[in-house]
Amino acid sequence: MRAIIHFRESVQDNAQRFFDDVKRVCQKIKGAELGVREVESKLSALEKKIVVSEKKSPSRMRVKEWFEKFRWGYTRNGLLIVGGRDAHSNEALVKRHMENNDWYFHADVHGAPHCILKSGKTKPTSQDMDDAASFAGVFSSVWKKGLFSVRVYAVKPSQVSKKAPSGESLGRGAFIINGERQWYDPSFQLGWGVQSTVDGYRVMCGPLSCVKVHAQHVVELLPGDKSKNDVSKSYQKWLEKQTPSIHVPLEELVSSLPAGEFVSRPLASK
């Protein structure tokens, strides 16, 4: 900053004028610094919002696998179990996705989904068969009815037929079972958690013993008085508090549950 000296003024006047000029400049600098700090604060807040949004977006943009439009889960050994959601999806599942090496499971009660254990070239163990039977049981209508006990049978695909007896017809989602059946009395412990995928997270619901093996942030679901929507909201809030980077849509949580009312009990995360 240059100082201009007026020779017709006294030294004191020149000094006072110079002091006043410096004071004005300092005030402008201080105001500019405050403005810069305010802008930096706003930018920092905006960056935090962007980071949170980026963390949450992968789960919403996740590419789903074919079986996710059905009910699905895994045995403790990693074999896929798929079940229908309604008459239409029951029909589609059996007709389009059941293969010769698979096993068909069905609870012996009205309002039960058709379930398939996708074994492929792997021979299912007795544990796999038990897990698939439990899956078929927990997603049947018994939970809603408050029974929590049902027998489940298993047959090979060749025993499942759409051919009705003479003079009769089968409605959508109905099939005839031929031959002997393998019977199971499955456990009714229901688990719920999130499973990591290459592009996000997905909700897994099924037998507790299976969910604990394949999912994180697992809770046990018990009979209660909360609707599917309410218990899903509670779990979503709890999950985002545990791990803010994980977000799963509410509708995905709701649709993963069987019919009925619940309370949830958190287990230790993996």
Protein backbone atom coordinates (compact mmCIF):
# COMPACT_ATOMS: atom_id res chain seq x y z
CA MET A 1 0.00 0.00 0.00
CA ARG A 2 1.46 3.38 -1.05
CA ALA A 3 1.16 6.48 1.17
CA ILE A 4 0.56 9.92 -0.41
CA ILE A 5 2.19 12.81 1.45
CA HIS A 6 0.53 16.23 1.31
CA PHE A 7 3.24 18.83 1.92
CA ARG A 8 0.74 21.51 2.85
CA GLU A 9 -0.52 19.36 5.73
CA SER A 10 1.20 18.71 9.01
CA VAL A 11 2.96 15.46 9.81
CA GLN A 12 0.19 14.59 12.27
CA ASP A 13 -2.54 15.14 9.62
CA ASN A 14 -0.70 12.98 7.07
CA ALA A 15 -0.23 10.25 9.66
CA GLN A 16 -3.90 10.34 10.70
CA ARG A 17 -5.08 10.12 7.10
CA PHE A 18 -2.75 7.21 6.42
CA PHE A 19 -3.98 5.46 9.57
CA ASP A 20 -7.62 5.94 8.48
CA ASP A 21 -6.85 4.51 5.02
CA VAL A 22 -5.17 1.46 6.54
CA LYS A 23 -8.13 0.94 8.88
CA ARG A 24 -10.60 0.99 5.96
CA VAL A 25 -8.50 -1.52 4.01
CA CYS A 26 -8.28 -3.84 7.03
CA GLN A 27 -12.05 -3.74 7.47
CA LYS A 28 -12.53 -4.69 3.81
CA ILE A 29 -10.07 -7.57 4.17
CA LYS A 30 -11.82 -8.81 7.31
CA GLY A 31 -15.19 -8.69 5.54
CA ALA A 32 -13.76 -10.60 2.59
CA GLU A 33 -12.31 -13.26 4.92
CA LEU A 34 -15.69 -13.71 6.62
CA GLY A 35 -17.31 -14.10 3.20
CA VAL A 36 -14.74 -16.71 2.18
CA ARG A 37 -15.28 -18.69 5.41
CA GLU A 38 -19.05 -18.59 4.89
CA VAL A 39 -18.69 -19.89 1.33
CA GLU A 40 -16.27 -22.62 2.50
CA SER A 41 -18.76 -23.70 5.20
CA LYS A 42 -21.58 -23.96 2.67
CA LEU A 43 -19.37 -25.94 0.26
CA SER A 44 -18.36 -28.34 3.06
CA ALA A 45 -22.01 -28.97 3.99
CA LEU A 46 -22.87 -29.57 0.33
CA GLU A 47 -19.97 -32.02 -0.09
CA LYS A 48 -21.20 -34.02 2.93
CA LYS A 49 -24.68 -34.27 1.41
CA ILE A 50 -23.19 -35.42 -1.89
CA VAL A 51 -21.07 -38.10 -0.16
CA VAL A 52 -24.10 -39.49 1.73
CA SER A 53 -26.12 -39.50 -1.49
CA GLU A 54 -23.35 -41.34 -3.34
CA LYS A 55 -23.13 -43.95 -0.55
CA LYS A 56 -26.85 -44.64 -0.69
CA SER A 57 -27.34 -44.61 -4.46
CA PRO A 58 -25.72 -47.99 -5.37
CA SER A 59 -28.40 -50.00 -3.51
CA ARG A 60 -31.17 -48.13 -5.35
CA MET A 61 -29.48 -48.64 -8.73
CA ARG A 62 -28.64 -52.30 -8.11
CA VAL A 63 -29.23 -54.76 -10.94
CA LYS A 64 -31.45 -57.57 -9.64
CA GLU A 65 -31.05 -61.27 -10.42
CA TRP A 66 -33.87 -63.31 -11.94
CA PHE A 67 -34.89 -65.01 -8.69
CA GLU A 68 -35.40 -61.73 -6.79
CA LYS A 69 -38.86 -61.27 -8.26
CA PHE A 70 -39.79 -64.40 -6.29
CA ARG A 71 -39.20 -65.24 -2.65
CA TRP A 72 -35.63 -66.44 -2.34
CA GLY A 73 -32.95 -67.56 0.08
CA TYR A 74 -29.99 -69.89 0.47
CA THR A 75 -29.39 -73.04 2.43
CA ARG A 76 -26.55 -72.91 4.93
CA ASN A 77 -24.42 -74.66 2.28
CA GLY A 78 -25.25 -72.03 -0.34
CA LEU A 79 -27.89 -73.73 -2.51
CA LEU A 80 -30.54 -71.36 -3.85
CA ILE A 81 -34.17 -71.72 -2.71
CA VAL A 82 -36.89 -69.93 -4.68
CA GLY A 83 -40.59 -69.61 -3.81
CA GLY A 84 -43.66 -68.11 -5.45
CA ARG A 85 -45.44 -65.01 -4.15
CA ASP A 86 -48.90 -65.65 -5.60
CA ALA A 87 -50.73 -67.96 -8.00
CA HIS A 88 -49.20 -66.29 -11.05
CA SER A 89 -45.59 -66.47 -9.82
CA ASN A 90 -46.14 -70.02 -8.48
CA GLU A 91 -47.15 -71.09 -11.98
CA ALA A 92 -44.24 -69.27 -13.62
CA LEU A 93 -41.70 -70.64 -11.15
CA VAL A 94 -42.64 -74.29 -11.66
CA LYS A 95 -43.09 -74.07 -15.43
CA ARG A 96 -40.05 -71.95 -16.30
CA HIS A 97 -37.46 -72.49 -13.61
CA MET A 98 -37.85 -76.01 -12.18
CA GLU A 99 -35.24 -78.39 -13.63
CA ASN A 100 -34.79 -82.15 -13.42
CA ASN A 101 -32.14 -82.08 -10.68
CA ASP A 102 -34.12 -79.72 -8.45
CA TRP A 103 -36.42 -80.53 -5.55
CA TYR A 104 -39.98 -79.25 -5.16
CA PHE A 105 -41.20 -78.29 -1.64
CA HIS A 106 -44.68 -77.38 -0.44
CA ALA A 107 -46.21 -76.89 3.01
CA ASP A 108 -49.26 -79.06 3.66
CA VAL A 109 -51.60 -76.10 4.22
CA HIS A 110 -53.75 -73.83 2.08
CA GLY A 111 -51.95 -70.64 1.13
CA ALA A 112 -48.43 -72.02 0.77
CA PRO A 113 -45.95 -71.09 -1.97
CA HIS A 114 -44.44 -73.56 -4.41
CA CYS A 115 -40.74 -73.71 -3.53
CA ILE A 116 -37.80 -75.08 -5.47
CA LEU A 117 -34.40 -76.10 -4.16
CA LYS A 118 -32.03 -75.34 -7.07
CA SER A 119 -29.45 -78.07 -6.65
CA GLY A 120 -28.00 -78.12 -10.17
CA LYS A 121 -25.22 -80.69 -10.32
CA THR A 122 -24.84 -80.70 -6.53
CA LYS A 123 -26.55 -83.43 -4.53
CA PRO A 124 -28.37 -81.74 -1.63
CA THR A 125 -27.41 -82.85 1.86
CA SER A 126 -29.98 -83.63 4.53
CA GLN A 127 -29.22 -80.17 5.96
CA ASP A 128 -30.04 -78.56 2.59
CA MET A 129 -33.35 -80.43 2.51
CA ASP A 130 -34.16 -79.32 6.07
CA ASP A 131 -33.36 -75.69 5.20
CA ALA A 132 -35.58 -75.78 2.11
CA ALA A 133 -38.42 -77.31 4.15
CA SER A 134 -38.06 -74.54 6.75
CA PHE A 135 -38.15 -71.95 3.97
CA ALA A 136 -41.38 -73.43 2.57
CA GLY A 137 -42.87 -73.48 6.07
CA VAL A 138 -42.09 -69.91 7.19
CA PHE A 139 -43.46 -68.41 3.97
CA SER A 140 -46.73 -70.37 4.16
CA SER A 141 -49.90 -68.95 5.70
CA VAL A 142 -49.18 -70.46 9.13
CA TRP A 143 -47.32 -67.37 10.37
CA LYS A 144 -50.34 -65.15 9.70
CA LYS A 145 -52.62 -67.73 11.32
CA GLY A 146 -50.40 -67.93 14.40
CA LEU A 147 -49.90 -71.71 14.14
CA PHE A 148 -46.08 -71.90 13.71
CA SER A 149 -46.16 -75.60 13.01
CA VAL A 150 -46.78 -77.26 9.67
CA ARG A 151 -45.64 -80.34 7.79
CA VAL A 152 -43.77 -79.84 4.53
CA TYR A 153 -43.23 -82.39 1.77
CA ALA A 154 -40.64 -82.68 -0.98
CA VAL A 155 -40.82 -84.45 -4.36
CA LYS A 156 -38.80 -84.55 -7.57
CA PRO A 157 -39.90 -82.42 -10.56
CA SER A 158 -41.09 -85.51 -12.44
CA GLN A 159 -43.78 -85.96 -9.76
CA VAL A 160 -45.23 -82.46 -10.32
CA SER A 161 -47.84 -82.35 -13.07
CA LYS A 162 -50.25 -79.87 -14.58
CA LYS A 163 -52.35 -82.72 -16.01
CA ALA A 164 -55.66 -82.91 -14.14
CA PRO A 165 -57.78 -86.07 -13.77
CA SER A 166 -60.34 -86.63 -16.50
CA GLY A 167 -63.20 -84.18 -16.29
CA GLU A 168 -61.36 -81.82 -13.95
CA SER A 169 -59.27 -78.69 -14.49
CA LEU A 170 -56.50 -77.04 -12.52
CA GLY A 171 -56.50 -73.31 -11.87
CA ARG A 172 -53.50 -71.05 -12.17
CA GLY A 173 -50.79 -72.03 -9.70
CA ALA A 174 -52.31 -75.46 -8.98
CA PHE A 175 -50.47 -78.72 -9.69
CA ILE A 176 -51.00 -82.45 -9.13
CA ILE A 177 -48.40 -84.31 -7.04
CA ASN A 178 -47.88 -87.97 -7.95
CA GLY A 179 -46.12 -90.72 -6.02
CA GLU A 180 -44.54 -90.82 -2.58
CA ARG A 181 -43.49 -87.70 -0.72
CA GLN A 182 -40.66 -87.00 1.72
CA TRP A 183 -42.06 -85.35 4.84
CA TYR A 184 -40.45 -82.77 7.14
CA ASP A 185 -41.38 -81.01 10.39
CA PRO A 186 -39.36 -77.79 9.99
CA SER A 187 -38.35 -75.25 12.61
CA PHE A 188 -40.03 -71.84 12.56
CA GLN A 189 -37.25 -69.39 13.37
CA LEU A 190 -37.37 -66.46 10.96
CA GLY A 191 -34.33 -64.27 10.21
CA TRP A 192 -33.93 -60.96 8.38
CA GLY A 193 -30.80 -59.18 7.19
CA VAL A 194 -28.97 -57.53 4.31
CA GLN A 195 -26.64 -59.28 1.91
CA SER A 196 -23.77 -57.51 0.16
CA THR A 197 -23.67 -57.72 -3.66
CA VAL A 198 -21.21 -56.38 -6.23
CA ASP A 199 -23.29 -53.22 -6.67
CA GLY A 200 -25.03 -52.68 -3.34
CA TYR A 201 -27.14 -54.56 -0.81
CA ARG A 202 -30.28 -56.69 -0.94
CA VAL A 203 -32.69 -57.88 1.72
CA MET A 204 -32.62 -61.54 2.74
CA CYS A 205 -35.42 -63.16 4.73
CA GLY A 206 -35.83 -66.84 5.58
CA PRO A 207 -34.86 -69.49 8.13
CA LEU A 208 -32.75 -67.80 10.82
CA SER A 209 -29.98 -70.40 10.63
CA CYS A 210 -29.54 -69.66 6.91
CA VAL A 211 -29.78 -65.87 7.11
CA LYS A 212 -27.10 -65.78 9.83
CA VAL A 213 -24.68 -67.50 7.43
CA HIS A 214 -25.27 -65.30 4.38
CA ALA A 215 -26.34 -61.85 5.65
CA GLN A 216 -25.21 -58.97 7.86
CA HIS A 217 -27.06 -56.96 10.52
CA VAL A 218 -29.35 -59.91 11.20
CA VAL A 219 -32.44 -59.70 13.37
CA GLU A 220 -34.74 -62.49 14.46
CA LEU A 221 -38.40 -61.93 13.64
CA LEU A 222 -40.93 -63.11 16.19
CA PRO A 223 -44.74 -63.06 16.31
CA GLY A 224 -45.87 -59.63 17.49
CA ASP A 225 -48.20 -56.72 16.90
CA LYS A 226 -46.27 -54.66 14.32
CA SER A 227 -47.43 -54.60 10.71
CA LYS A 228 -45.00 -55.42 7.91
CA ASN A 229 -44.70 -51.71 7.12
CA ASP A 230 -44.03 -50.67 10.73
CA VAL A 231 -41.45 -53.34 11.46
CA SER A 232 -39.73 -52.52 8.13
CA LYS A 233 -39.50 -48.83 9.06
CA SER A 234 -38.03 -49.72 12.45
CA TYR A 235 -35.45 -52.04 10.89
CA GLN A 236 -34.54 -49.46 8.21
CA LYS A 237 -33.87 -46.78 10.87
CA TRP A 238 -31.90 -49.22 13.03
CA LEU A 239 -29.86 -50.37 10.02
CA GLU A 240 -28.95 -46.84 8.88
CA LYS A 241 -27.96 -45.96 12.45
CA GLN A 242 -25.71 -49.03 12.62
CA THR A 243 -24.14 -48.44 9.19
CA PRO A 244 -25.08 -45.12 7.47
CA SER A 245 -23.57 -46.29 4.17
CA ILE A 246 -26.19 -49.07 3.85
CA HIS A 247 -29.59 -48.09 2.52
CA VAL A 248 -32.29 -50.47 1.36
CA PRO A 249 -35.66 -49.25 0.05
CA LEU A 250 -38.63 -49.63 2.40
CA GLU A 251 -40.67 -51.44 -0.26
CA GLU A 252 -37.93 -54.08 -0.60
CA LEU A 253 -38.01 -54.71 3.14
CA VAL A 254 -41.81 -54.98 3.22
CA SER A 255 -42.00 -57.32 0.23
CA SER A 256 -39.41 -59.68 1.72
CA LEU A 257 -41.61 -60.59 4.70
CA PRO A 258 -44.26 -63.33 4.92
CA ALA A 259 -47.83 -62.32 5.73
CA GLY A 260 -48.45 -61.58 9.39
CA GLU A 261 -47.37 -59.30 12.25
CA PHE A 262 -43.96 -59.13 13.89
CA VAL A 263 -41.48 -57.85 16.42
CA SER A 264 -37.74 -57.91 15.72
CA ARG A 265 -34.80 -58.81 17.95
CA PRO A 266 -31.30 -57.78 16.78
CA LEU A 267 -28.51 -60.33 16.77
CA ALA A 268 -24.79 -59.66 16.67
CA SER A 269 -23.65 -58.44 13.23
CA LYS A 270 -21.27 -60.57 11.26
